[in-house]
Amino acid sequence: MDTGTHITMGVALAGMATLDPAVQQDPTLFQGIMIGTIAGSHAPDFDTVLKLRNNAVYLRHHRGVTHSVPALILWGILISGLIYIFLPSVSFLHLWLWTFLAVILHVFVDIFNAYGTQAYRPFTNRWVAYGFINTFDPIIFGLHIVGIVAWVFGAPPGPVFLSLYSILILYYIKRYLQKKALVHKIERYYGNVEGIATSPTIKQNIWRLAITTEDSFYVARAIDGNIQIVDKFHRLPLPNNKIIATAKEDKNISAFLSFSPVYRWEINVYDELTEVRFIDLRYRSKDHYPFVAVVQMDDSLKIISSYTGWVFSEQKLQDKLLTEDAPAPY
């Protein structure tokens, strides 16, 4: 989810903590839990600092180790432990439990959007992206704001947020059933479907779809349950040649391939260079595929420049390639 929603979830958990008898009897414990749940609800995304290095490092590691099973435990202990240093009189057990719950909730809600997480590490490194909640969902965010405003105006926070989360459970079930209906319709129509990547949009009735069959990729939109194919690409295996082998050694290409499950590729040969381009098919927007990885090589297959990330025009992509330093292979 987006940062704003994660933070409001932290506030909501602090409100629900008022149902805990230990919290009711200790205002200082409540203060500690408020800090702990807000920090815990955002802590797994501290890896966004990796963007300061480069997109390849960020793409490979964001929502990776920091969202793993061991990290869930460590975040809870670290945050509650730091708070306990300054509030040694409070119950560490209750402080840790609510902080730990905030961390768990952060990772839990992240697995339902199209980007996903590696939440099952160290058991598997696969990306878990169930794809039926948008990264920013206005209903989820709006309900949290309503709950916080009600709390500010004097409503009891425990019952308010307990009711709110009961509603959200039903909302998640609704969105899951909507996705399931779309998947069933696609599988019934094509028959030989190998994979379906669903990306819900902010609008409840519109979904982006990337469909993989035995010999093709289909990019589609679903509007009010009606599926419209907007692009079709032949599914071609990556060639087993020196150009592709060199491209895979590049850090940007390697990071892209470790993350993207549905992509097409191009090899373009120009007078002075050879370009290999990988294009993720999940995020089509305004007739453009913004999430790409590109590597350029000279005639001797030495890497000149490369880039991976989100670009919304060909000119901006070329500008990125011109400004990137030539990367060293792994």
Protein backbone atom coordinates (compact mmCIF):
# COMPACT_ATOMS: atom_id res chain seq x y z
CA MET A 1 0.00 0.00 0.00
CA ASP A 2 0.99 3.65 -0.18
CA THR A 3 2.73 5.37 2.73
CA GLY A 4 -0.34 7.39 3.75
CA THR A 5 -2.52 4.29 4.08
CA HIS A 6 0.15 2.44 6.07
CA ILE A 7 0.38 5.34 8.54
CA THR A 8 -3.40 5.59 8.97
CA MET A 9 -3.42 1.84 9.66
CA GLY A 10 -0.89 2.42 12.41
CA VAL A 11 -3.16 5.04 13.97
CA ALA A 12 -6.13 2.68 13.65
CA LEU A 13 -4.27 -0.10 15.49
CA ALA A 14 -3.40 2.33 18.27
CA GLY A 15 -7.10 3.11 18.51
CA MET A 16 -7.99 -0.57 18.71
CA ALA A 17 -5.35 -1.02 21.39
CA THR A 18 -7.62 0.95 23.73
CA LEU A 19 -9.71 -2.24 23.96
CA ASP A 20 -6.73 -3.85 25.73
CA PRO A 21 -7.35 -3.60 29.54
CA ALA A 22 -3.62 -3.02 30.14
CA VAL A 23 -3.69 -0.03 27.79
CA GLN A 24 -6.86 1.35 29.36
CA GLN A 25 -5.11 1.47 32.74
CA ASP A 26 -1.84 3.01 31.54
CA PRO A 27 -1.83 6.23 29.46
CA THR A 28 1.96 6.00 29.10
CA LEU A 29 1.62 2.54 27.55
CA PHE A 30 -0.93 3.94 25.11
CA GLN A 31 1.53 6.66 24.10
CA GLY A 32 4.22 4.06 23.51
CA ILE A 33 1.84 1.90 21.48
CA MET A 34 0.81 4.88 19.36
CA ILE A 35 4.45 5.48 18.47
CA GLY A 36 5.07 1.76 17.99
CA THR A 37 2.11 1.08 15.71
CA ILE A 38 2.80 4.10 13.49
CA ALA A 39 6.50 3.21 13.22
CA GLY A 40 5.75 -0.48 12.79
CA SER A 41 3.16 0.17 10.10
CA HIS A 42 5.82 1.93 8.03
CA ALA A 43 9.05 0.18 9.05
CA PRO A 44 9.21 -2.51 6.29
CA ASP A 45 9.27 0.29 3.69
CA PHE A 46 12.43 1.82 5.13
CA ASP A 47 14.18 0.03 2.27
CA THR A 48 13.03 2.87 0.00
CA VAL A 49 16.37 4.49 0.89
CA LEU A 50 17.84 2.04 -1.64
CA LYS A 51 16.57 4.39 -4.35
CA LEU A 52 19.45 6.66 -3.38
CA ARG A 53 21.81 4.07 -4.86
CA ASN A 54 20.10 3.15 -8.12
CA ASN A 55 16.91 1.65 -9.52
CA ALA A 56 18.44 -1.80 -9.96
CA VAL A 57 19.28 -2.16 -6.27
CA TYR A 58 15.89 -0.76 -5.28
CA LEU A 59 13.98 -3.04 -7.64
CA ARG A 60 15.83 -6.15 -6.53
CA HIS A 61 15.48 -5.52 -2.79
CA HIS A 62 12.37 -3.35 -2.21
CA ARG A 63 9.69 -5.39 -0.45
CA GLY A 64 12.19 -8.22 -0.24
CA VAL A 65 14.15 -8.97 2.93
CA THR A 66 12.44 -6.16 4.87
CA HIS A 67 9.07 -7.86 4.27
CA SER A 68 10.26 -11.41 5.04
CA VAL A 69 9.21 -13.63 7.93
CA PRO A 70 12.40 -13.00 9.98
CA ALA A 71 12.06 -9.25 9.38
CA LEU A 72 8.53 -9.27 10.82
CA ILE A 73 9.92 -10.52 14.12
CA LEU A 74 12.97 -8.27 14.11
CA TRP A 75 11.04 -5.07 13.28
CA GLY A 76 8.68 -5.66 16.19
CA ILE A 77 11.49 -6.31 18.66
CA LEU A 78 13.64 -3.43 17.41
CA ILE A 79 10.92 -0.77 17.45
CA SER A 80 9.33 -1.79 20.75
CA GLY A 81 12.80 -2.18 22.29
CA LEU A 82 13.78 1.36 21.32
CA ILE A 83 10.54 2.75 22.74
CA TYR A 84 10.99 0.73 25.94
CA ILE A 85 14.35 2.41 26.55
CA PHE A 86 12.50 5.71 26.99
CA LEU A 87 9.39 4.22 28.64
CA PRO A 88 10.78 1.50 30.93
CA SER A 89 7.75 1.54 33.23
CA VAL A 90 5.31 0.19 30.61
CA SER A 91 4.48 -3.45 29.86
CA PHE A 92 6.97 -4.54 27.21
CA LEU A 93 4.78 -7.50 26.26
CA HIS A 94 1.79 -5.34 25.34
CA LEU A 95 3.99 -2.75 23.64
CA TRP A 96 5.64 -5.45 21.54
CA LEU A 97 2.39 -7.25 20.67
CA TRP A 98 0.71 -4.15 19.22
CA THR A 99 3.87 -3.02 17.43
CA PHE A 100 4.37 -6.51 16.02
CA LEU A 101 0.75 -6.53 14.83
CA ALA A 102 1.36 -3.25 12.97
CA VAL A 103 4.35 -4.75 11.14
CA ILE A 104 2.37 -7.88 10.25
CA LEU A 105 -0.52 -5.78 8.95
CA HIS A 106 1.84 -3.78 6.72
CA VAL A 107 3.21 -6.88 4.99
CA PHE A 108 -0.18 -8.58 4.91
CA VAL A 109 -1.90 -5.79 2.98
CA ASP A 110 1.06 -5.45 0.58
CA ILE A 111 0.65 -8.98 -0.78
CA PHE A 112 -2.75 -8.14 -2.26
CA ASN A 113 -1.63 -5.53 -4.80
CA ALA A 114 -0.01 -6.11 -8.17
CA TYR A 115 3.52 -5.22 -7.05
CA GLY A 116 3.52 -7.75 -4.21
CA THR A 117 6.29 -8.73 -1.80
CA GLN A 118 8.67 -11.58 -1.04
CA ALA A 119 6.76 -12.17 2.17
CA TYR A 120 7.45 -15.91 2.29
CA ARG A 121 11.22 -15.60 2.49
CA PRO A 122 13.31 -17.51 3.56
CA PHE A 123 11.05 -20.40 2.51
CA THR A 124 10.82 -19.11 -1.07
CA ASN A 125 12.02 -16.01 -2.92
CA ARG A 126 9.04 -15.87 -5.24
CA TRP A 127 7.04 -12.66 -5.44
CA VAL A 128 3.59 -12.87 -3.85
CA ALA A 129 1.20 -10.52 -5.62
CA TYR A 130 -2.46 -11.52 -5.47
CA GLY A 131 -3.47 -8.44 -7.46
CA PHE A 132 -6.93 -7.48 -6.28
CA ILE A 133 -6.27 -4.32 -4.23
CA ASN A 134 -4.77 -1.19 -5.77
CA THR A 135 -1.58 0.19 -4.19
CA PHE A 136 -3.66 3.21 -3.26
CA ASP A 137 -7.25 2.24 -2.61
CA PRO A 138 -9.45 5.30 -1.92
CA ILE A 139 -12.03 3.23 -0.05
CA ILE A 140 -9.47 1.76 2.36
CA PHE A 141 -7.78 5.11 2.89
CA GLY A 142 -11.09 6.98 3.13
CA LEU A 143 -12.51 4.65 5.77
CA HIS A 144 -9.40 5.12 7.89
CA ILE A 145 -9.69 8.90 7.62
CA VAL A 146 -13.37 8.70 8.64
CA GLY A 147 -12.40 6.59 11.66
CA ILE A 148 -9.61 8.96 12.70
CA VAL A 149 -11.88 12.02 12.35
CA ALA A 150 -14.58 10.27 14.42
CA TRP A 151 -11.95 9.59 17.10
CA VAL A 152 -10.85 13.23 17.10
CA PHE A 153 -14.46 14.32 17.64
CA GLY A 154 -14.89 12.03 20.63
CA ALA A 155 -16.03 8.65 19.33
CA PRO A 156 -14.54 5.67 21.23
CA PRO A 157 -11.63 4.51 19.04
CA GLY A 158 -11.77 0.81 19.93
CA PRO A 159 -15.31 0.13 18.67
CA VAL A 160 -14.85 2.56 15.75
CA PHE A 161 -11.81 0.83 14.30
CA LEU A 162 -13.02 -2.66 15.16
CA SER A 163 -16.14 -1.91 13.10
CA LEU A 164 -14.03 -0.37 10.35
CA TYR A 165 -11.86 -3.46 10.02
CA SER A 166 -14.92 -5.70 9.98
CA ILE A 167 -16.12 -3.71 6.98
CA LEU A 168 -12.68 -3.95 5.33
CA ILE A 169 -12.67 -7.73 5.68
CA LEU A 170 -15.91 -7.82 3.69
CA TYR A 171 -14.41 -5.38 1.18
CA TYR A 172 -11.37 -7.61 0.64
CA ILE A 173 -13.66 -10.60 0.10
CA LYS A 174 -15.65 -8.59 -2.46
CA ARG A 175 -12.51 -7.61 -4.40
CA TYR A 176 -11.23 -11.18 -4.30
CA LEU A 177 -14.51 -12.48 -5.73
CA GLN A 178 -14.36 -9.83 -8.48
CA LYS A 179 -10.88 -11.00 -9.44
CA LYS A 180 -11.93 -14.65 -9.30
CA ALA A 181 -14.82 -13.95 -11.67
CA LEU A 182 -12.48 -12.25 -14.15
CA VAL A 183 -9.98 -15.09 -14.01
CA HIS A 184 -12.74 -17.66 -14.52
CA LYS A 185 -14.07 -15.76 -17.53
CA ILE A 186 -10.60 -15.54 -19.12
CA GLU A 187 -9.82 -19.22 -18.53
CA ARG A 188 -13.17 -20.25 -19.97
CA TYR A 189 -12.62 -18.13 -23.10
CA TYR A 190 -8.99 -19.01 -23.91
CA GLY A 191 -8.68 -22.51 -22.51
CA ASN A 192 -4.86 -22.68 -22.65
CA VAL A 193 -4.06 -19.91 -20.17
CA GLU A 194 -0.74 -20.30 -18.34
CA GLY A 195 -0.90 -17.13 -16.24
CA ILE A 196 -3.05 -14.07 -15.52
CA ALA A 197 -1.62 -10.96 -13.88
CA THR A 198 -4.37 -8.71 -12.55
CA SER A 199 -3.81 -5.05 -11.65
CA PRO A 200 -6.82 -3.27 -10.16
CA THR A 201 -7.03 0.46 -10.76
CA ILE A 202 -8.29 3.19 -8.46
CA LYS A 203 -11.67 2.86 -10.19
CA GLN A 204 -13.56 -0.11 -8.77
CA ASN A 205 -14.93 -1.25 -12.14
CA ILE A 206 -11.67 -1.13 -14.15
CA TRP A 207 -8.86 -3.69 -14.08
CA ARG A 208 -5.64 -4.09 -16.10
CA LEU A 209 -4.86 -7.63 -17.22
CA ALA A 210 -1.81 -9.38 -18.68
CA ILE A 211 -2.68 -12.84 -19.97
CA THR A 212 -0.13 -15.51 -20.88
CA THR A 213 -1.10 -18.38 -23.17
CA GLU A 214 1.04 -21.05 -24.77
CA ASP A 215 1.99 -18.91 -27.76
CA SER A 216 0.87 -15.34 -27.00
CA PHE A 217 0.68 -12.48 -24.52
CA TYR A 218 -2.59 -10.56 -24.33
CA VAL A 219 -2.86 -7.16 -22.67
CA ALA A 220 -6.44 -6.37 -21.72
CA ARG A 221 -8.74 -4.15 -19.70
CA ALA A 222 -11.82 -5.28 -17.84
CA ILE A 223 -14.56 -2.68 -17.49
CA ASP A 224 -17.68 -3.69 -15.55
CA GLY A 225 -16.67 -7.32 -16.07
CA ASN A 226 -16.34 -6.97 -19.85
CA ILE A 227 -12.85 -7.92 -21.06
CA GLN A 228 -11.33 -5.90 -23.91
CA ILE A 229 -8.08 -7.02 -25.57
CA VAL A 230 -5.94 -3.96 -26.32
CA ASP A 231 -2.66 -5.62 -27.41
CA LYS A 232 -1.43 -9.02 -28.50
CA PHE A 233 2.19 -10.18 -28.78
CA HIS A 234 3.64 -13.47 -29.96
CA ARG A 235 5.34 -15.25 -27.09
CA LEU A 236 8.91 -15.93 -28.17
CA PRO A 237 11.57 -17.62 -26.02
CA LEU A 238 14.70 -15.63 -25.27
CA PRO A 239 17.42 -16.51 -27.82
CA ASN A 240 20.40 -18.44 -26.55
CA ASN A 241 23.06 -16.13 -27.95
CA LYS A 242 25.89 -13.85 -26.81
CA ILE A 243 23.77 -10.69 -27.00
CA ILE A 244 21.20 -11.99 -24.52
CA ALA A 245 23.89 -13.60 -22.36
CA THR A 246 25.68 -10.26 -22.09
CA ALA A 247 22.42 -8.41 -21.41
CA LYS A 248 21.58 -10.75 -18.53
CA GLU A 249 24.89 -9.89 -16.86
CA ASP A 250 23.88 -6.24 -16.59
CA LYS A 251 22.61 -5.25 -13.14
CA ASN A 252 19.54 -3.41 -14.48
CA ILE A 253 18.44 -6.26 -16.73
CA SER A 254 19.11 -8.83 -14.02
CA ALA A 255 17.03 -6.87 -11.50
CA PHE A 256 14.15 -6.51 -13.97
CA LEU A 257 14.11 -10.22 -14.80
CA SER A 258 14.16 -11.16 -11.11
CA PHE A 259 10.99 -9.14 -10.59
CA SER A 260 8.85 -9.13 -13.73
CA PRO A 261 6.75 -12.26 -14.45
CA VAL A 262 5.18 -11.06 -17.73
CA TYR A 263 7.31 -9.28 -20.30
CA ARG A 264 8.22 -9.19 -23.96
CA TRP A 265 11.68 -8.52 -25.38
CA GLU A 266 13.22 -6.79 -28.37
CA ILE A 267 16.67 -6.79 -29.95
CA ASN A 268 17.32 -3.69 -32.07
CA VAL A 269 20.54 -3.41 -34.10
CA TYR A 270 21.63 0.11 -35.11
CA ASP A 271 24.72 1.41 -36.91
CA GLU A 272 26.76 1.99 -33.77
CA LEU A 273 25.09 -0.14 -31.11
CA THR A 274 22.84 -3.07 -30.27
CA GLU A 275 19.95 -2.53 -27.89
CA VAL A 276 18.09 -5.17 -25.87
CA ARG A 277 14.81 -4.06 -24.37
CA PHE A 278 12.52 -5.84 -21.89
CA ILE A 279 8.99 -4.48 -21.45
CA ASP A 280 6.70 -5.40 -18.55
CA LEU A 281 3.16 -5.96 -19.83
CA ARG A 282 1.30 -5.47 -16.53
CA TYR A 283 1.24 -1.68 -16.36
CA ARG A 284 -0.01 -0.39 -19.70
CA SER A 285 -1.10 3.23 -19.37
CA LYS A 286 -2.31 5.54 -22.14
CA ASP A 287 -1.02 3.24 -24.91
CA HIS A 288 2.40 3.08 -23.26
CA TYR A 289 4.28 0.45 -21.25
CA PRO A 290 6.22 2.51 -18.70
CA PHE A 291 8.10 -0.20 -16.81
CA VAL A 292 11.12 -1.29 -18.85
CA ALA A 293 14.72 -2.43 -18.76
CA VAL A 294 17.10 -1.48 -21.55
CA VAL A 295 20.77 -2.22 -22.20
CA GLN A 296 22.89 -0.85 -25.05
CA MET A 297 26.12 -2.49 -26.30
CA ASP A 298 28.75 -1.61 -28.87
CA ASP A 299 29.88 -3.86 -31.71
CA SER A 300 32.14 -5.84 -29.38
CA LEU A 301 29.18 -6.38 -26.98
CA LYS A 302 30.64 -4.09 -24.35
CA ILE A 303 27.84 -2.50 -22.32
CA ILE A 304 27.59 1.23 -23.02
CA SER A 305 24.60 2.11 -20.86
CA SER A 306 21.53 0.57 -19.27
CA TYR A 307 18.45 1.53 -17.32
CA THR A 308 15.49 -0.01 -15.55
CA GLY A 309 12.51 1.78 -14.08
CA TRP A 310 9.41 3.74 -14.96
CA VAL A 311 9.51 6.10 -17.94
CA PHE A 312 6.49 7.52 -19.73
CA SER A 313 7.98 8.57 -23.05
CA GLU A 314 10.67 7.34 -25.43
CA GLN A 315 12.51 10.66 -25.15
CA LYS A 316 12.77 10.39 -21.38
CA LEU A 317 14.05 6.84 -21.72
CA GLN A 318 16.78 7.96 -24.10
CA ASP A 319 17.67 10.78 -21.71
CA LYS A 320 18.00 8.25 -18.89
CA LEU A 321 20.29 6.07 -21.00
CA LEU A 322 22.48 9.07 -21.82
CA THR A 323 22.84 10.07 -18.17
CA GLU A 324 23.43 6.60 -16.74
CA ASP A 325 27.01 5.54 -16.16
CA ALA A 326 28.10 2.41 -17.99
CA PRO A 327 27.35 -0.38 -15.47
CA ALA A 328 29.81 -3.10 -14.57
CA PRO A 329 28.62 -6.72 -14.95
CA TYR A 330 28.19 -8.84 -11.83
